[in-house]
Amino acid sequence: MTLREIYTAIEGVAQQVPCIKTTLENDVLRLNEMVSVQYGVFAIVPGTHSGTDGWMTYSLNLFYIDRLTNDQDNETEIQSHAIEVLRAILMRVNEEAMPVNDGVRYTAFTRRFQDLCAGAWAEVSIQTPVGDCNDIFNEE
């Protein structure tokens, strides 16, 4: 399974979650450039990947981000919701698409993008068998 296939599988699950309105890949800071964004935002950011004989381990950071109210009273609520959304996505990915390694770590945050936001990210790793790289040498 390739990194692209992993992204596609995770995004496919995330797009089934009604509160997710925007999906980003590779750089969550792109939110700073988006003049109008629909919240909640789901993002996949790659970490450091590793390989051994026959296996690849892909490390990813998955984000769920939502906008705070003006008084910021919903900060903890958003962070809590973000962790639950990420947990639900990972459970579904684990059931339907590919095994997610144990030991997922969740970190809540508050940060300004275009808007003042809160959310959480999950540090995950997914181990998959190595594909046949010979296809690269046979491309025309």
Protein backbone atom coordinates (compact mmCIF):
# COMPACT_ATOMS: atom_id res chain seq x y z
CA MET A 1 0.00 0.00 0.00
CA THR A 2 1.39 3.41 -0.96
CA LEU A 3 1.20 6.69 0.90
CA ARG A 4 -1.33 7.93 -1.69
CA GLU A 5 -3.54 4.88 -1.07
CA ILE A 6 -3.37 5.47 2.69
CA TYR A 7 -4.37 9.14 2.26
CA THR A 8 -7.26 8.11 0.00
CA ALA A 9 -8.53 5.51 2.48
CA ILE A 10 -8.34 7.86 5.48
CA GLU A 11 -9.92 10.77 3.60
CA GLY A 12 -12.70 8.49 2.38
CA VAL A 13 -13.59 7.65 5.98
CA ALA A 14 -13.23 11.28 7.14
CA GLN A 15 -15.55 12.53 4.40
CA GLN A 16 -18.32 10.36 5.88
CA VAL A 17 -18.21 12.39 9.12
CA PRO A 18 -20.92 15.09 8.88
CA CYS A 19 -19.01 17.73 10.88
CA ILE A 20 -16.03 17.66 8.46
CA LYS A 21 -16.51 20.28 5.76
CA THR A 22 -12.92 20.81 4.51
CA THR A 23 -10.06 18.36 3.98
CA LEU A 24 -6.39 19.34 3.62
CA GLU A 25 -3.27 17.35 2.82
CA ASN A 26 0.38 17.80 3.75
CA ASP A 27 0.33 21.23 5.42
CA VAL A 28 -2.21 22.31 8.02
CA LEU A 29 -0.77 25.85 7.87
CA ARG A 30 -2.44 26.24 4.46
CA LEU A 31 -5.41 27.31 6.57
CA ASN A 32 -3.59 30.65 6.94
CA GLU A 33 -3.94 31.20 3.17
CA MET A 34 -7.59 30.21 2.89
CA VAL A 35 -9.69 33.36 2.93
CA SER A 36 -12.92 31.48 3.48
CA VAL A 37 -12.87 28.03 4.97
CA GLN A 38 -15.70 25.83 6.08
CA TYR A 39 -15.11 24.34 9.53
CA GLY A 40 -14.58 21.55 10.74
CA VAL A 41 -11.34 20.94 9.01
CA PHE A 42 -9.67 17.55 8.73
CA ALA A 43 -6.02 17.46 7.69
CA ILE A 44 -3.41 14.78 7.08
CA VAL A 45 0.23 15.77 7.55
CA PRO A 46 3.01 13.25 6.93
CA GLY A 47 5.63 12.45 9.53
CA THR A 48 8.79 10.40 9.09
CA HIS A 49 8.27 7.08 7.36
CA SER A 50 10.46 4.00 7.72
CA GLY A 51 10.89 0.69 5.99
CA THR A 52 12.30 -2.74 6.68
CA ASP A 53 12.39 -5.93 4.67
CA GLY A 54 8.86 -6.39 3.44
CA TRP A 55 7.20 -3.61 5.50
CA MET A 56 6.70 0.16 5.42
CA THR A 57 5.64 2.14 8.47
CA TYR A 58 3.96 5.43 7.59
CA SER A 59 3.78 8.05 10.34
CA LEU A 60 0.98 10.60 10.03
CA ASN A 61 -0.48 13.45 12.03
CA LEU A 62 -4.26 13.74 11.66
CA PHE A 63 -5.90 17.02 12.65
CA TYR A 64 -9.44 18.11 13.42
CA ILE A 65 -9.86 21.89 13.71
CA ASP A 66 -12.88 24.09 14.42
CA ARG A 67 -13.42 27.80 15.01
CA LEU A 68 -13.76 29.22 18.50
CA THR A 69 -16.61 31.51 19.45
CA ASN A 70 -15.75 35.16 20.15
CA ASP A 71 -15.72 34.57 23.91
CA GLN A 72 -13.73 31.31 23.47
CA ASP A 73 -16.09 29.51 25.85
CA ASN A 74 -16.19 26.50 23.53
CA GLU A 75 -12.43 25.81 23.60
CA THR A 76 -12.51 22.65 25.75
CA GLU A 77 -15.67 21.46 24.02
CA ILE A 78 -13.99 21.71 20.59
CA GLN A 79 -10.84 19.98 21.83
CA SER A 80 -12.91 17.16 23.33
CA HIS A 81 -14.99 16.84 20.15
CA ALA A 82 -11.82 16.84 18.04
CA ILE A 83 -10.35 13.91 19.94
CA GLU A 84 -13.60 11.97 19.60
CA VAL A 85 -13.81 12.69 15.86
CA LEU A 86 -10.23 11.54 15.33
CA ARG A 87 -10.79 8.41 17.45
CA ALA A 88 -13.91 7.55 15.45
CA ILE A 89 -12.11 8.02 12.13
CA LEU A 90 -9.21 5.83 13.25
CA MET A 91 -11.55 3.12 14.52
CA ARG A 92 -13.35 3.05 11.17
CA VAL A 93 -10.07 3.06 9.22
CA ASN A 94 -8.87 0.18 11.37
CA GLU A 95 -12.09 -1.78 10.69
CA GLU A 96 -12.51 -1.03 7.00
CA ALA A 97 -9.24 -0.16 5.34
CA MET A 98 -6.02 -0.92 7.20
CA PRO A 99 -4.68 -1.59 10.67
CA VAL A 100 -3.61 1.47 12.65
CA ASN A 101 -0.82 0.69 15.10
CA ASP A 102 -1.57 0.84 18.82
CA GLY A 103 -0.38 3.79 20.86
CA VAL A 104 -2.13 6.68 19.11
CA ARG A 105 -1.28 9.93 20.90
CA TYR A 106 -3.74 12.85 20.95
CA THR A 107 -2.73 16.47 21.57
CA ALA A 108 -5.28 19.27 22.06
CA PHE A 109 -4.40 22.78 20.92
CA THR A 110 -5.61 26.34 20.42
CA ARG A 111 -4.13 28.32 17.53
CA ARG A 112 -4.83 31.25 15.25
CA PHE A 113 -5.13 30.49 11.56
CA GLN A 114 -7.43 32.84 9.58
CA ASP A 115 -9.64 32.47 12.64
CA LEU A 116 -8.94 31.61 16.25
CA CYS A 117 -9.36 27.84 16.36
CA ALA A 118 -9.08 24.85 18.63
CA GLY A 119 -8.81 21.17 17.97
CA ALA A 120 -6.56 18.18 18.34
CA TRP A 121 -4.13 16.11 16.38
CA ALA A 122 -3.42 12.40 16.52
CA GLU A 123 0.01 10.90 15.93
CA VAL A 124 -0.49 7.56 14.20
CA SER A 125 1.52 4.96 12.38
CA ILE A 126 0.29 2.47 9.85
CA GLN A 127 2.34 -0.54 8.85
CA THR A 128 1.75 -2.09 5.45
CA PRO A 129 3.49 -4.70 3.32
CA VAL A 130 5.89 -3.28 0.77
CA GLY A 131 4.56 -3.25 -2.78
CA ASP A 132 6.45 -4.41 -5.84
CA CYS A 133 8.84 -1.58 -6.69
CA ASN A 134 9.72 -3.29 -9.97
CA ASP A 135 6.69 -1.55 -11.50
CA ILE A 136 8.63 1.73 -11.34
CA PHE A 137 11.37 0.31 -13.55
CA ASN A 138 8.84 -1.03 -16.05
CA GLU A 139 7.01 2.27 -16.62
CA GLU A 140 7.13 3.65 -20.12
